[in-house]
N, C-alpha and C. Protein backbone atom coordinates (compact mmCIF):
# COMPACT_ATOMS: atom_id res chain seq x y z
N MET A 1 0.84 -1.17 0.00
CA MET A 1 0.00 0.00 0.00
C MET A 1 0.89 1.24 0.00
N THR A 2 0.56 2.23 -0.82
CA THR A 2 1.35 3.45 -0.88
C THR A 2 0.98 4.40 0.26
N THR A 3 1.83 5.38 0.48
CA THR A 3 1.57 6.38 1.52
C THR A 3 0.29 7.13 1.22
N ASP A 4 0.06 7.48 -0.05
CA ASP A 4 -1.17 8.19 -0.42
C ASP A 4 -2.41 7.34 -0.14
N THR A 5 -2.33 6.06 -0.41
CA THR A 5 -3.45 5.16 -0.16
C THR A 5 -3.72 5.06 1.34
N LEU A 6 -2.66 4.94 2.13
CA LEU A 6 -2.82 4.88 3.59
C LEU A 6 -3.41 6.17 4.13
N THR A 7 -2.96 7.31 3.62
CA THR A 7 -3.47 8.60 4.06
C THR A 7 -4.94 8.74 3.71
N THR A 8 -5.31 8.34 2.50
CA THR A 8 -6.71 8.40 2.07
C THR A 8 -7.57 7.47 2.91
N SER A 9 -7.07 6.28 3.18
CA SER A 9 -7.80 5.32 4.01
C SER A 9 -7.99 5.85 5.43
N LEU A 10 -6.96 6.46 5.98
CA LEU A 10 -7.02 7.04 7.32
C LEU A 10 -8.04 8.17 7.36
N ALA A 11 -8.01 9.05 6.37
CA ALA A 11 -8.96 10.16 6.30
C ALA A 11 -10.39 9.63 6.20
N THR A 12 -10.60 8.60 5.41
CA THR A 12 -11.92 8.01 5.24
C THR A 12 -12.42 7.43 6.56
N GLU A 13 -11.55 6.73 7.29
CA GLU A 13 -11.94 6.15 8.57
C GLU A 13 -12.27 7.24 9.59
N LEU A 14 -11.45 8.28 9.62
CA LEU A 14 -11.70 9.38 10.55
C LEU A 14 -13.01 10.09 10.23
N ARG A 15 -13.28 10.33 8.95
CA ARG A 15 -14.55 10.96 8.55
C ARG A 15 -15.73 10.09 8.97
N ARG A 16 -15.60 8.78 8.80
CA ARG A 16 -16.67 7.86 9.18
C ARG A 16 -16.94 7.96 10.69
N PHE A 17 -15.87 7.95 11.48
CA PHE A 17 -16.01 8.07 12.93
C PHE A 17 -16.68 9.40 13.29
N ILE A 18 -16.24 10.49 12.71
CA ILE A 18 -16.80 11.81 12.99
C ILE A 18 -18.26 11.87 12.59
N ASP A 19 -18.57 11.37 11.40
CA ASP A 19 -19.96 11.39 10.91
C ASP A 19 -20.88 10.59 11.84
N GLU A 20 -20.45 9.41 12.24
CA GLU A 20 -21.30 8.55 13.06
C GLU A 20 -21.37 9.00 14.52
N THR A 21 -20.28 9.54 15.03
CA THR A 21 -20.22 9.88 16.45
C THR A 21 -20.73 11.28 16.76
N PHE A 22 -20.41 12.23 15.92
CA PHE A 22 -20.73 13.62 16.21
C PHE A 22 -21.85 14.19 15.35
N LEU A 23 -22.02 13.65 14.16
CA LEU A 23 -23.07 14.14 13.26
C LEU A 23 -24.23 13.17 13.21
N PHE A 24 -24.10 12.06 13.92
CA PHE A 24 -25.14 11.04 14.03
C PHE A 24 -25.66 10.59 12.66
N GLY A 25 -24.73 10.49 11.70
CA GLY A 25 -25.08 10.01 10.38
C GLY A 25 -25.78 11.03 9.50
N VAL A 26 -26.02 12.23 10.01
CA VAL A 26 -26.65 13.28 9.21
C VAL A 26 -25.63 13.75 8.17
N ASP A 27 -26.07 13.88 6.93
CA ASP A 27 -25.16 14.26 5.85
C ASP A 27 -24.90 15.77 5.89
N ILE A 28 -23.82 16.14 6.57
CA ILE A 28 -23.40 17.54 6.63
C ILE A 28 -22.10 17.63 5.85
N SER A 29 -22.06 18.55 4.92
CA SER A 29 -20.90 18.69 4.05
C SER A 29 -19.78 19.45 4.76
N TYR A 30 -18.61 18.86 4.78
CA TYR A 30 -17.41 19.54 5.27
C TYR A 30 -16.21 18.96 4.55
N THR A 31 -15.18 19.78 4.41
CA THR A 31 -13.97 19.33 3.74
C THR A 31 -12.97 18.81 4.76
N ASP A 32 -11.93 18.20 4.29
CA ASP A 32 -10.91 17.68 5.19
C ASP A 32 -10.15 18.78 5.91
N THR A 33 -10.22 20.01 5.42
CA THR A 33 -9.51 21.11 6.06
C THR A 33 -10.41 22.00 6.90
N ASP A 34 -11.71 21.74 6.91
CA ASP A 34 -12.64 22.54 7.72
C ASP A 34 -12.40 22.31 9.21
N SER A 35 -12.40 23.40 9.96
CA SER A 35 -12.22 23.34 11.41
C SER A 35 -13.44 22.70 12.06
N PHE A 36 -13.20 21.69 12.90
CA PHE A 36 -14.30 21.06 13.64
C PHE A 36 -14.97 22.04 14.58
N MET A 37 -14.17 22.83 15.28
CA MET A 37 -14.72 23.76 16.27
C MET A 37 -15.45 24.92 15.60
N GLU A 38 -14.84 25.54 14.61
CA GLU A 38 -15.45 26.69 13.93
C GLU A 38 -16.74 26.33 13.22
N ASN A 39 -16.85 25.09 12.77
CA ASN A 39 -18.04 24.65 12.04
C ASN A 39 -19.00 23.85 12.91
N SER A 40 -18.77 23.88 14.22
CA SER A 40 -19.64 23.20 15.20
C SER A 40 -19.83 21.72 14.89
N ILE A 41 -18.78 21.10 14.41
CA ILE A 41 -18.82 19.66 14.13
C ILE A 41 -18.50 18.89 15.41
N ILE A 42 -17.50 19.36 16.14
CA ILE A 42 -17.11 18.76 17.41
C ILE A 42 -16.98 19.88 18.43
N ASP A 43 -17.56 19.66 19.62
CA ASP A 43 -17.40 20.64 20.69
C ASP A 43 -16.29 20.19 21.63
N SER A 44 -16.06 20.95 22.69
CA SER A 44 -14.94 20.64 23.58
C SER A 44 -15.07 19.26 24.24
N THR A 45 -16.27 18.85 24.56
CA THR A 45 -16.48 17.52 25.12
C THR A 45 -16.20 16.45 24.06
N GLY A 46 -16.58 16.74 22.83
CA GLY A 46 -16.33 15.81 21.74
C GLY A 46 -14.85 15.59 21.50
N VAL A 47 -14.05 16.61 21.76
CA VAL A 47 -12.60 16.45 21.58
C VAL A 47 -12.08 15.35 22.50
N LEU A 48 -12.63 15.26 23.71
CA LEU A 48 -12.22 14.19 24.62
C LEU A 48 -12.56 12.81 24.05
N GLU A 49 -13.73 12.70 23.45
CA GLU A 49 -14.13 11.43 22.83
C GLU A 49 -13.24 11.12 21.62
N LEU A 50 -12.90 12.15 20.86
CA LEU A 50 -12.00 11.98 19.71
C LEU A 50 -10.64 11.49 20.17
N ILE A 51 -10.11 12.07 21.23
CA ILE A 51 -8.81 11.66 21.76
C ILE A 51 -8.86 10.20 22.21
N ALA A 52 -9.91 9.82 22.91
CA ALA A 52 -10.05 8.43 23.35
C ALA A 52 -10.07 7.49 22.15
N HIS A 53 -10.76 7.90 21.09
CA HIS A 53 -10.82 7.08 19.87
C HIS A 53 -9.42 6.95 19.26
N LEU A 54 -8.70 8.04 19.17
CA LEU A 54 -7.35 8.00 18.58
C LEU A 54 -6.43 7.11 19.39
N GLU A 55 -6.50 7.23 20.71
CA GLU A 55 -5.63 6.42 21.56
C GLU A 55 -5.96 4.93 21.46
N SER A 56 -7.23 4.60 21.44
CA SER A 56 -7.60 3.18 21.41
C SER A 56 -7.49 2.58 20.01
N THR A 57 -7.91 3.30 19.01
CA THR A 57 -7.91 2.76 17.65
C THR A 57 -6.51 2.71 17.04
N TYR A 58 -5.74 3.76 17.25
CA TYR A 58 -4.42 3.86 16.62
C TYR A 58 -3.28 3.61 17.60
N ARG A 59 -3.64 3.26 18.84
CA ARG A 59 -2.65 2.94 19.88
C ARG A 59 -1.61 4.05 20.04
N LEU A 60 -2.11 5.26 20.13
CA LEU A 60 -1.26 6.42 20.31
C LEU A 60 -1.31 6.87 21.76
N HIS A 61 -0.22 7.43 22.21
CA HIS A 61 -0.23 8.14 23.49
C HIS A 61 -0.32 9.62 23.14
N ILE A 62 -1.37 10.28 23.58
CA ILE A 62 -1.55 11.69 23.27
C ILE A 62 -1.27 12.48 24.55
N ALA A 63 -0.19 13.23 24.52
CA ALA A 63 0.24 14.03 25.67
C ALA A 63 -0.52 15.35 25.70
N ASP A 64 -0.49 16.00 26.84
CA ASP A 64 -1.14 17.31 26.97
C ASP A 64 -0.62 18.30 25.92
N ASP A 65 0.66 18.24 25.62
CA ASP A 65 1.24 19.14 24.62
C ASP A 65 0.68 18.92 23.22
N ASP A 66 0.11 17.75 22.98
CA ASP A 66 -0.46 17.42 21.67
C ASP A 66 -1.86 18.01 21.49
N LEU A 67 -2.47 18.47 22.56
CA LEU A 67 -3.87 18.91 22.53
C LEU A 67 -4.00 20.34 22.02
N VAL A 68 -3.66 20.52 20.75
CA VAL A 68 -3.73 21.83 20.11
C VAL A 68 -4.49 21.69 18.79
N PRO A 69 -5.14 22.78 18.35
CA PRO A 69 -5.91 22.71 17.10
C PRO A 69 -5.09 22.25 15.90
N GLU A 70 -3.81 22.58 15.88
CA GLU A 70 -2.96 22.18 14.76
C GLU A 70 -2.90 20.66 14.60
N ASN A 71 -3.22 19.94 15.66
CA ASN A 71 -3.21 18.48 15.60
C ASN A 71 -4.61 17.88 15.46
N LEU A 72 -5.62 18.54 16.00
CA LEU A 72 -6.91 17.87 16.21
C LEU A 72 -8.12 18.55 15.59
N ASP A 73 -7.97 19.68 14.91
CA ASP A 73 -9.14 20.47 14.54
C ASP A 73 -9.63 20.29 13.11
N SER A 74 -9.18 19.29 12.40
CA SER A 74 -9.72 18.98 11.08
C SER A 74 -9.28 17.57 10.71
N VAL A 75 -9.89 17.02 9.72
CA VAL A 75 -9.50 15.68 9.25
C VAL A 75 -8.04 15.71 8.80
N SER A 76 -7.67 16.72 8.02
CA SER A 76 -6.28 16.82 7.54
C SER A 76 -5.30 16.93 8.69
N ASN A 77 -5.62 17.75 9.68
CA ASN A 77 -4.74 17.89 10.84
C ASN A 77 -4.61 16.56 11.58
N LEU A 78 -5.71 15.84 11.72
CA LEU A 78 -5.67 14.54 12.39
C LEU A 78 -4.80 13.54 11.64
N VAL A 79 -4.96 13.49 10.32
CA VAL A 79 -4.16 12.56 9.50
C VAL A 79 -2.67 12.88 9.66
N ASP A 80 -2.32 14.15 9.55
CA ASP A 80 -0.91 14.55 9.70
C ASP A 80 -0.40 14.21 11.09
N PHE A 81 -1.20 14.48 12.11
CA PHE A 81 -0.82 14.21 13.49
C PHE A 81 -0.60 12.71 13.71
N ILE A 82 -1.53 11.89 13.27
CA ILE A 82 -1.40 10.43 13.43
C ILE A 82 -0.15 9.94 12.71
N ASN A 83 0.08 10.40 11.50
CA ASN A 83 1.26 9.98 10.75
C ASN A 83 2.55 10.40 11.45
N ARG A 84 2.59 11.61 12.03
CA ARG A 84 3.78 12.05 12.77
C ARG A 84 3.99 11.18 14.00
N LYS A 85 2.91 10.91 14.75
CA LYS A 85 3.03 10.08 15.95
C LYS A 85 3.50 8.67 15.60
N ARG A 86 2.97 8.12 14.52
CA ARG A 86 3.39 6.79 14.10
C ARG A 86 4.87 6.79 13.70
N ALA A 87 5.30 7.81 12.99
CA ALA A 87 6.69 7.89 12.55
C ALA A 87 7.63 7.98 13.75
N ARG A 88 7.23 8.74 14.76
CA ARG A 88 8.06 8.86 15.98
C ARG A 88 8.13 7.55 16.73
N SER A 89 7.05 6.78 16.70
CA SER A 89 7.04 5.54 17.47
C SER A 89 7.89 4.45 16.84
N ILE A 90 8.18 4.58 15.55
CA ILE A 90 9.01 3.56 14.89
C ILE A 90 10.44 4.03 14.66
N THR A 91 10.71 5.31 14.96
CA THR A 91 12.06 5.84 14.82
C THR A 91 12.84 5.52 16.08
N PRO A 92 13.99 4.86 15.94
CA PRO A 92 14.76 4.52 17.14
C PRO A 92 15.26 5.79 17.84
N ALA A 93 15.29 5.73 19.15
CA ALA A 93 15.76 6.86 19.94
C ALA A 93 17.28 7.01 19.76
N VAL A 94 17.71 8.25 19.71
CA VAL A 94 19.15 8.52 19.61
C VAL A 94 19.69 8.67 21.02
N GLU A 95 20.75 7.94 21.29
CA GLU A 95 21.34 8.00 22.63
C GLU A 95 22.48 8.97 22.68
């Protein structure tokens, strides 16, 4: 599988989770770069549910420092964030 295919698959899965969990399956149009907060897609409580989903589904540890809009406020930001976290987890530590 190519990186583009994995990124597209990840974005599709995240959109599905968002649609089912926060939009309750209602067909609301939003792009991958639309802000969840600005467009009232996810509220502050929803962010906690999103974080729990990311940690359990993708086996990520999300630190307090990670809780910024640049990481969590759109599908594109989430995809980039997950890919960065995955890359860090497989990169050997430099001693």
